[in-house]
Amino acid sequence: QVQLVESGGGLVQAGGSLRLSCAASGRTVNIFLLGWFRQAPGKERELVASINRRSGLTDYSDSVKGRFTVSRDNAQNTVYLQMAQLKPEDTAVYYCAARSYGFSDWTNWGQGTQVTVSS
């Protein structure tokens, strides 16, 4: 099993920056992909960024491309989401997720951390 714990959310003004962290524990060797999702009130959960744990290959949604950066530190079993040029529409609960080898869907989720961007 893999456990994920996010941290780093908070309140920030539009145009500001914030960094989220997600610490993984347990059978982290089974993790293939790590991702950051977000869900705003009344909206569906959206995948905003992902990173291949081994290769470091990243992917971003169009809504955050050029503003957000996902990275990982395998030695610390931690994945980060550096968010810059934040907009009020980035306000959401952000979730860290992991996909294990052999699975076609996300297998583990963190509890979420609130990010609020004020205008």
Protein backbone atom coordinates (compact mmCIF):
# COMPACT_ATOMS: atom_id res chain seq x y z
CA GLN A 1 0.00 0.00 0.00
CA VAL A 2 1.01 3.59 -0.61
CA GLN A 3 0.08 6.51 1.61
CA LEU A 4 0.14 10.11 0.34
CA VAL A 5 0.11 13.25 2.49
CA GLU A 6 -0.13 16.71 0.95
CA SER A 7 0.99 19.98 2.51
CA GLY A 8 1.59 23.57 1.51
CA GLY A 9 -1.86 24.85 0.66
CA GLY A 10 -3.13 28.22 1.82
CA LEU A 11 -4.36 31.65 0.86
CA VAL A 12 -2.45 33.70 -1.69
CA GLN A 13 -3.16 36.80 -3.75
CA ALA A 14 -3.61 36.65 -7.49
CA GLY A 15 -0.25 36.71 -9.21
CA GLY A 16 1.45 35.05 -6.28
CA SER A 17 3.13 31.68 -5.90
CA LEU A 18 2.68 28.61 -3.76
CA ARG A 19 4.39 25.24 -3.54
CA LEU A 20 2.58 22.05 -2.68
CA SER A 21 4.33 18.95 -1.41
CA CYS A 22 3.20 15.34 -1.34
CA ALA A 23 5.08 12.83 0.77
CA ALA A 24 4.67 9.19 -0.19
CA SER A 25 5.23 6.28 2.16
CA GLY A 26 4.72 2.54 2.09
CA ARG A 27 5.43 0.53 -1.06
CA THR A 28 6.67 3.52 -3.04
CA VAL A 29 8.76 1.27 -5.28
CA ASN A 30 5.46 0.26 -6.93
CA ILE A 31 4.67 3.82 -8.02
CA PHE A 32 4.79 4.45 -11.76
CA LEU A 33 3.17 7.86 -12.04
CA LEU A 34 2.46 10.72 -9.65
CA GLY A 35 -0.13 13.36 -10.33
CA TRP A 36 -1.75 16.49 -9.00
CA PHE A 37 -5.50 16.87 -9.36
CA ARG A 38 -7.74 19.71 -8.29
CA GLN A 39 -11.44 20.08 -7.65
CA ALA A 40 -13.28 23.34 -7.32
CA PRO A 41 -16.80 23.55 -5.84
CA GLY A 42 -19.36 22.34 -8.34
CA LYS A 43 -16.72 21.18 -10.81
CA GLU A 44 -15.27 17.82 -11.74
CA ARG A 45 -11.87 16.74 -10.53
CA GLU A 46 -9.20 17.81 -13.02
CA LEU A 47 -5.72 16.38 -13.59
CA VAL A 48 -3.41 19.38 -13.77
CA ALA A 49 0.05 17.78 -13.79
CA SER A 50 1.73 14.41 -13.75
CA ILE A 51 5.28 13.09 -13.58
CA ASN A 52 6.77 9.70 -14.32
CA ARG A 53 8.53 8.63 -11.15
CA ARG A 54 11.39 6.94 -13.00
CA SER A 55 11.98 9.09 -16.10
CA GLY A 56 10.80 12.44 -14.77
CA LEU A 57 8.68 12.98 -17.87
CA THR A 58 5.98 15.56 -17.13
CA ASP A 59 2.62 16.51 -18.55
CA TYR A 60 0.33 19.45 -17.85
CA SER A 61 -3.22 20.52 -18.52
CA ASP A 62 -3.62 23.50 -20.80
CA SER A 63 -5.07 25.50 -17.92
CA VAL A 64 -1.77 25.47 -15.98
CA LYS A 65 0.88 24.96 -18.65
CA GLY A 66 3.60 27.56 -18.32
CA ARG A 67 2.58 28.50 -14.78
CA PHE A 68 2.84 25.26 -12.79
CA THR A 69 5.84 22.96 -12.50
CA VAL A 70 5.74 19.40 -11.17
CA SER A 71 8.91 17.76 -9.87
CA ARG A 72 9.91 14.82 -7.72
CA ASP A 73 12.63 13.88 -5.27
CA ASN A 74 12.79 10.10 -5.29
CA ALA A 75 15.26 10.01 -2.42
CA GLN A 76 12.70 11.81 -0.25
CA ASN A 77 9.69 10.09 -1.88
CA THR A 78 8.18 13.51 -2.40
CA VAL A 79 6.49 15.18 -5.34
CA TYR A 80 6.07 18.93 -5.62
CA LEU A 81 3.80 21.29 -7.46
CA GLN A 82 5.25 24.76 -7.85
CA MET A 83 2.44 27.14 -8.76
CA ALA A 84 3.15 30.62 -10.09
CA GLN A 85 1.10 33.45 -11.58
CA LEU A 86 -1.86 32.14 -9.62
CA LYS A 87 -5.36 33.15 -10.65
CA PRO A 88 -8.64 33.13 -8.70
CA GLU A 89 -9.79 30.28 -10.95
CA ASP A 90 -6.96 28.14 -9.55
CA THR A 91 -8.85 28.05 -6.25
CA ALA A 92 -9.61 24.42 -5.45
CA VAL A 93 -8.75 21.49 -3.25
CA TYR A 94 -5.57 19.97 -4.65
CA TYR A 95 -5.00 16.23 -4.41
CA CYS A 96 -1.90 14.17 -4.89
CA ALA A 97 -2.38 10.79 -6.55
CA ALA A 98 -0.24 7.80 -7.46
CA ARG A 99 -0.59 5.11 -10.05
CA SER A 100 1.14 1.81 -9.44
CA TYR A 101 2.70 -0.42 -12.06
CA GLY A 102 0.20 -2.70 -13.71
CA PHE A 103 -2.78 -0.44 -13.11
CA SER A 104 -4.54 1.71 -15.69
CA ASP A 105 -6.09 4.05 -13.15
CA TRP A 106 -4.94 6.05 -10.17
CA THR A 107 -4.58 3.74 -7.20
CA ASN A 108 -3.82 6.01 -4.23
CA TRP A 109 -4.98 9.44 -3.16
CA GLY A 110 -4.00 12.00 -0.57
CA GLN A 111 -6.48 13.79 1.64
CA GLY A 112 -6.25 17.08 -0.27
CA THR A 113 -5.08 20.57 0.57
CA GLN A 114 -7.00 23.79 0.01
CA VAL A 115 -5.58 26.49 -2.24
CA THR A 116 -7.42 29.81 -2.29
CA VAL A 117 -6.40 32.63 -4.61
CA SER A 118 -7.88 36.02 -3.82
CA SER A 119 -8.40 38.69 -6.46
